[in-house]
Amino acid sequence: MNMEPAQLVSAVGPQPRKYRTQRHRKGQLLPLHEPNSNPTGFLVFFRNDMSKTFRHFLLFSGLMHCAVLVAGPYFVIYLLQDLHLAHWQYGI
């Protein structure tokens, strides 16, 4: 069996793709990413790109999350001691 090198590669399997600077998507080349000097991050997003009501919701949600994290261990003690819940009942 006498095969050319290109035929041998195609018979073995596809070659891994080489790194491209542009990605190919549905027949179109996407533009390259150009970093800009504008600051980014959560604080910039929080200050500039949100409405006041959404900021209040995020503040409420974050504080509620912290309150649940602090109160969680004490709630277990309350269940076991004051409500006289058995350990197996708590485990369920």
N, C-alpha and C. Protein backbone atom coordinates (compact mmCIF):
# COMPACT_ATOMS: atom_id res chain seq x y z
N MET A 1 0.85 -1.17 0.00
CA MET A 1 0.00 0.00 0.00
C MET A 1 0.89 1.23 0.00
N ASN A 2 0.89 1.94 -1.08
CA ASN A 2 1.74 3.10 -1.25
C ASN A 2 0.88 4.36 -1.13
N MET A 3 1.06 5.12 0.01
CA MET A 3 0.24 6.32 0.24
C MET A 3 1.14 7.53 0.35
N GLU A 4 0.61 8.64 -0.09
CA GLU A 4 1.29 9.93 0.09
C GLU A 4 1.17 10.34 1.56
N PRO A 5 2.07 11.20 2.06
CA PRO A 5 1.99 11.62 3.46
C PRO A 5 0.66 12.30 3.81
N ALA A 6 0.10 13.11 2.91
CA ALA A 6 -1.17 13.78 3.20
C ALA A 6 -2.30 12.77 3.30
N GLN A 7 -2.26 11.75 2.46
CA GLN A 7 -3.29 10.72 2.52
C GLN A 7 -3.15 9.90 3.80
N LEU A 8 -1.93 9.67 4.23
CA LEU A 8 -1.68 8.91 5.44
C LEU A 8 -2.24 9.64 6.66
N VAL A 9 -2.02 10.96 6.72
CA VAL A 9 -2.52 11.75 7.84
C VAL A 9 -4.04 11.74 7.85
N SER A 10 -4.64 11.89 6.68
CA SER A 10 -6.10 11.92 6.64
C SER A 10 -6.68 10.54 6.95
N ALA A 11 -5.93 9.48 6.65
CA ALA A 11 -6.41 8.14 6.95
C ALA A 11 -6.31 7.85 8.45
N VAL A 12 -5.29 8.41 9.09
CA VAL A 12 -5.09 8.17 10.53
C VAL A 12 -6.11 8.97 11.34
N GLY A 13 -6.37 10.18 10.96
CA GLY A 13 -7.31 11.02 11.69
C GLY A 13 -6.98 12.48 11.49
N PRO A 14 -7.85 13.34 11.93
CA PRO A 14 -7.59 14.77 11.73
C PRO A 14 -6.46 15.26 12.61
N GLN A 15 -5.75 16.24 12.10
CA GLN A 15 -4.68 16.83 12.89
C GLN A 15 -5.29 17.81 13.89
N PRO A 16 -4.65 17.98 15.04
CA PRO A 16 -5.17 18.96 15.99
C PRO A 16 -5.09 20.36 15.41
N ARG A 17 -6.06 21.18 15.75
CA ARG A 17 -6.09 22.54 15.23
C ARG A 17 -4.97 23.37 15.85
N LYS A 18 -4.43 24.23 15.05
CA LYS A 18 -3.42 25.14 15.57
C LYS A 18 -4.11 26.37 16.14
N TYR A 19 -3.42 27.05 17.02
CA TYR A 19 -3.98 28.24 17.67
C TYR A 19 -4.20 29.33 16.63
N ARG A 20 -5.38 29.89 16.66
CA ARG A 20 -5.70 30.98 15.77
C ARG A 20 -5.93 32.25 16.59
N THR A 21 -5.63 33.37 16.01
CA THR A 21 -5.90 34.62 16.71
C THR A 21 -7.35 35.05 16.54
N GLN A 22 -8.04 34.51 15.55
CA GLN A 22 -9.45 34.79 15.36
C GLN A 22 -10.21 33.48 15.41
N ARG A 23 -11.39 33.50 15.97
CA ARG A 23 -12.20 32.29 16.05
C ARG A 23 -13.18 32.27 14.88
N HIS A 24 -13.42 31.11 14.41
CA HIS A 24 -14.30 30.92 13.27
C HIS A 24 -15.66 30.47 13.79
N ARG A 25 -16.72 31.19 13.41
CA ARG A 25 -18.05 30.84 13.89
C ARG A 25 -19.06 30.98 12.76
N LYS A 26 -19.63 29.89 12.37
CA LYS A 26 -20.65 29.86 11.34
C LYS A 26 -20.22 30.62 10.09
N GLY A 27 -19.00 30.40 9.68
CA GLY A 27 -18.52 31.00 8.44
C GLY A 27 -18.07 32.44 8.57
N GLN A 28 -18.08 32.99 9.80
CA GLN A 28 -17.67 34.38 9.97
C GLN A 28 -16.47 34.44 10.90
N LEU A 29 -15.59 35.37 10.63
CA LEU A 29 -14.47 35.60 11.54
C LEU A 29 -14.88 36.66 12.53
N LEU A 30 -14.68 36.37 13.80
CA LEU A 30 -15.01 37.34 14.84
C LEU A 30 -13.86 38.31 15.01
N PRO A 31 -14.13 39.52 15.44
CA PRO A 31 -13.04 40.48 15.62
C PRO A 31 -12.14 40.09 16.78
N LEU A 32 -10.90 40.49 16.69
CA LEU A 32 -9.95 40.21 17.77
C LEU A 32 -10.31 41.01 19.01
N HIS A 33 -9.99 40.46 20.17
CA HIS A 33 -10.23 41.17 21.43
C HIS A 33 -9.16 42.22 21.62
N GLU A 34 -9.60 43.43 21.80
CA GLU A 34 -8.67 44.53 22.04
C GLU A 34 -8.91 45.04 23.45
N PRO A 35 -7.97 44.85 24.37
CA PRO A 35 -8.18 45.36 25.73
C PRO A 35 -8.23 46.88 25.73
N ASN A 36 -9.12 47.43 26.55
CA ASN A 36 -9.20 48.88 26.63
C ASN A 36 -8.73 49.35 27.99
N SER A 37 -8.60 50.65 28.14
CA SER A 37 -8.08 51.19 29.39
C SER A 37 -9.19 51.52 30.37
N ASN A 38 -10.43 51.26 30.03
CA ASN A 38 -11.53 51.52 30.95
C ASN A 38 -11.47 50.54 32.11
N PRO A 39 -11.67 51.01 33.35
CA PRO A 39 -11.64 50.09 34.48
C PRO A 39 -12.86 49.17 34.44
N THR A 40 -12.64 47.94 34.83
CA THR A 40 -13.72 46.96 34.87
C THR A 40 -13.73 46.32 36.25
N GLY A 41 -14.75 45.57 36.53
CA GLY A 41 -14.85 44.87 37.79
C GLY A 41 -16.21 45.08 38.41
N PHE A 42 -16.42 44.43 39.56
CA PHE A 42 -17.72 44.49 40.21
C PHE A 42 -18.03 45.88 40.73
N LEU A 43 -17.05 46.56 41.34
CA LEU A 43 -17.33 47.89 41.89
C LEU A 43 -17.70 48.89 40.81
N VAL A 44 -17.05 48.82 39.68
CA VAL A 44 -17.39 49.72 38.57
C VAL A 44 -18.80 49.40 38.09
N PHE A 45 -19.12 48.12 37.96
CA PHE A 45 -20.46 47.70 37.56
C PHE A 45 -21.48 48.15 38.60
N PHE A 46 -21.15 48.00 39.87
CA PHE A 46 -22.06 48.35 40.95
C PHE A 46 -22.35 49.85 40.97
N ARG A 47 -21.34 50.67 40.71
CA ARG A 47 -21.50 52.12 40.76
C ARG A 47 -22.19 52.69 39.53
N ASN A 48 -21.89 52.16 38.36
CA ASN A 48 -22.30 52.82 37.13
C ASN A 48 -23.46 52.17 36.40
N ASP A 49 -23.50 50.85 36.34
CA ASP A 49 -24.39 50.18 35.40
C ASP A 49 -25.67 49.64 36.00
N MET A 50 -25.99 49.97 37.23
CA MET A 50 -27.18 49.41 37.86
C MET A 50 -28.14 50.51 38.28
N SER A 51 -29.40 50.13 38.36
CA SER A 51 -30.38 51.07 38.88
C SER A 51 -30.31 51.07 40.41
N LYS A 52 -30.91 52.09 41.00
CA LYS A 52 -30.86 52.22 42.46
C LYS A 52 -31.63 51.09 43.14
N THR A 53 -32.73 50.65 42.56
CA THR A 53 -33.51 49.58 43.18
C THR A 53 -32.76 48.25 43.12
N PHE A 54 -32.02 48.02 42.04
CA PHE A 54 -31.25 46.77 41.97
C PHE A 54 -30.11 46.78 42.97
N ARG A 55 -29.50 47.95 43.19
CA ARG A 55 -28.45 48.06 44.21
C ARG A 55 -29.02 47.77 45.59
N HIS A 56 -30.23 48.27 45.87
CA HIS A 56 -30.86 47.99 47.16
C HIS A 56 -31.16 46.51 47.30
N PHE A 57 -31.61 45.88 46.21
CA PHE A 57 -31.87 44.44 46.26
C PHE A 57 -30.58 43.67 46.53
N LEU A 58 -29.48 44.03 45.87
CA LEU A 58 -28.21 43.34 46.11
C LEU A 58 -27.73 43.52 47.54
N LEU A 59 -27.90 44.71 48.09
CA LEU A 59 -27.51 44.96 49.47
C LEU A 59 -28.35 44.12 50.43
N PHE A 60 -29.66 44.09 50.21
CA PHE A 60 -30.54 43.27 51.05
C PHE A 60 -30.18 41.80 50.94
N SER A 61 -29.98 41.33 49.72
CA SER A 61 -29.68 39.92 49.50
C SER A 61 -28.35 39.54 50.16
N GLY A 62 -27.34 40.38 50.04
CA GLY A 62 -26.05 40.10 50.67
C GLY A 62 -26.12 40.09 52.18
N LEU A 63 -26.84 41.06 52.75
CA LEU A 63 -26.97 41.10 54.21
C LEU A 63 -27.79 39.92 54.73
N MET A 64 -28.81 39.52 54.00
CA MET A 64 -29.60 38.35 54.40
C MET A 64 -28.75 37.09 54.36
N HIS A 65 -27.91 36.97 53.34
CA HIS A 65 -27.03 35.82 53.23
C HIS A 65 -26.06 35.77 54.41
N CYS A 66 -25.48 36.90 54.76
CA CYS A 66 -24.57 36.95 55.91
C CYS A 66 -25.29 36.60 57.20
N ALA A 67 -26.53 37.08 57.36
CA ALA A 67 -27.29 36.77 58.57
C ALA A 67 -27.58 35.28 58.69
N VAL A 68 -27.89 34.64 57.58
CA VAL A 68 -28.15 33.20 57.61
C VAL A 68 -26.88 32.43 57.94
N LEU A 69 -25.74 32.88 57.39
CA LEU A 69 -24.47 32.21 57.70
C LEU A 69 -24.10 32.33 59.17
N VAL A 70 -24.39 33.47 59.78
CA VAL A 70 -24.08 33.65 61.20
C VAL A 70 -25.06 32.88 62.08
N ALA A 71 -26.34 32.87 61.72
CA ALA A 71 -27.36 32.26 62.57
C ALA A 71 -27.45 30.74 62.42
N GLY A 72 -26.89 30.17 61.38
CA GLY A 72 -27.02 28.74 61.13
C GLY A 72 -26.59 27.85 62.27
N PRO A 73 -25.39 28.01 62.81
CA PRO A 73 -24.97 27.12 63.91
C PRO A 73 -25.85 27.27 65.17
N TYR A 74 -26.31 28.49 65.45
CA TYR A 74 -27.16 28.70 66.62
C TYR A 74 -28.53 28.07 66.43
N PHE A 75 -29.00 28.01 65.21
CA PHE A 75 -30.29 27.39 64.93
C PHE A 75 -30.24 25.89 65.21
N VAL A 76 -29.11 25.26 64.93
CA VAL A 76 -28.96 23.83 65.23
C VAL A 76 -29.03 23.60 66.73
N ILE A 77 -28.36 24.44 67.50
CA ILE A 77 -28.40 24.31 68.96
C ILE A 77 -29.82 24.51 69.47
N TYR A 78 -30.54 25.48 68.90
CA TYR A 78 -31.93 25.71 69.27
C TYR A 78 -32.78 24.48 69.00
N LEU A 79 -32.60 23.87 67.85
CA LEU A 79 -33.38 22.67 67.52
C LEU A 79 -33.09 21.53 68.49
N LEU A 80 -31.82 21.33 68.82
CA LEU A 80 -31.44 20.19 69.66
C LEU A 80 -31.78 20.40 71.13
N GLN A 81 -31.56 21.61 71.66
CA GLN A 81 -31.75 21.82 73.09
C GLN A 81 -33.17 22.26 73.45
N ASP A 82 -33.66 23.30 72.79
CA ASP A 82 -34.95 23.86 73.18
C ASP A 82 -36.14 23.06 72.65
N LEU A 83 -36.04 22.57 71.46
CA LEU A 83 -37.14 21.79 70.88
C LEU A 83 -37.00 20.30 71.18
N HIS A 84 -35.92 19.91 71.85
CA HIS A 84 -35.64 18.52 72.22
C HIS A 84 -35.72 17.57 71.02
N LEU A 85 -35.14 18.00 69.96
CA LEU A 85 -35.07 17.19 68.75
C LEU A 85 -33.92 16.20 68.90
N ALA A 86 -34.13 14.96 68.54
CA ALA A 86 -33.05 13.96 68.61
C ALA A 86 -32.07 14.21 67.47
N HIS A 87 -30.85 13.73 67.67
CA HIS A 87 -29.82 13.93 66.64
C HIS A 87 -30.20 13.25 65.33
N TRP A 88 -30.82 12.10 65.42
CA TRP A 88 -31.20 11.40 64.19
C TRP A 88 -32.31 12.17 63.48
N GLN A 89 -33.19 12.84 64.24
CA GLN A 89 -34.24 13.64 63.61
C GLN A 89 -33.65 14.87 62.90
N TYR A 90 -32.65 15.45 63.54
CA TYR A 90 -31.98 16.59 62.89
C TYR A 90 -31.25 16.13 61.63
N GLY A 91 -30.69 14.96 61.68
CA GLY A 91 -29.94 14.44 60.54
C GLY A 91 -30.80 14.16 59.31
N ILE A 92 -32.07 13.93 59.55
CA ILE A 92 -32.99 13.66 58.43
C ILE A 92 -33.31 14.96 57.80
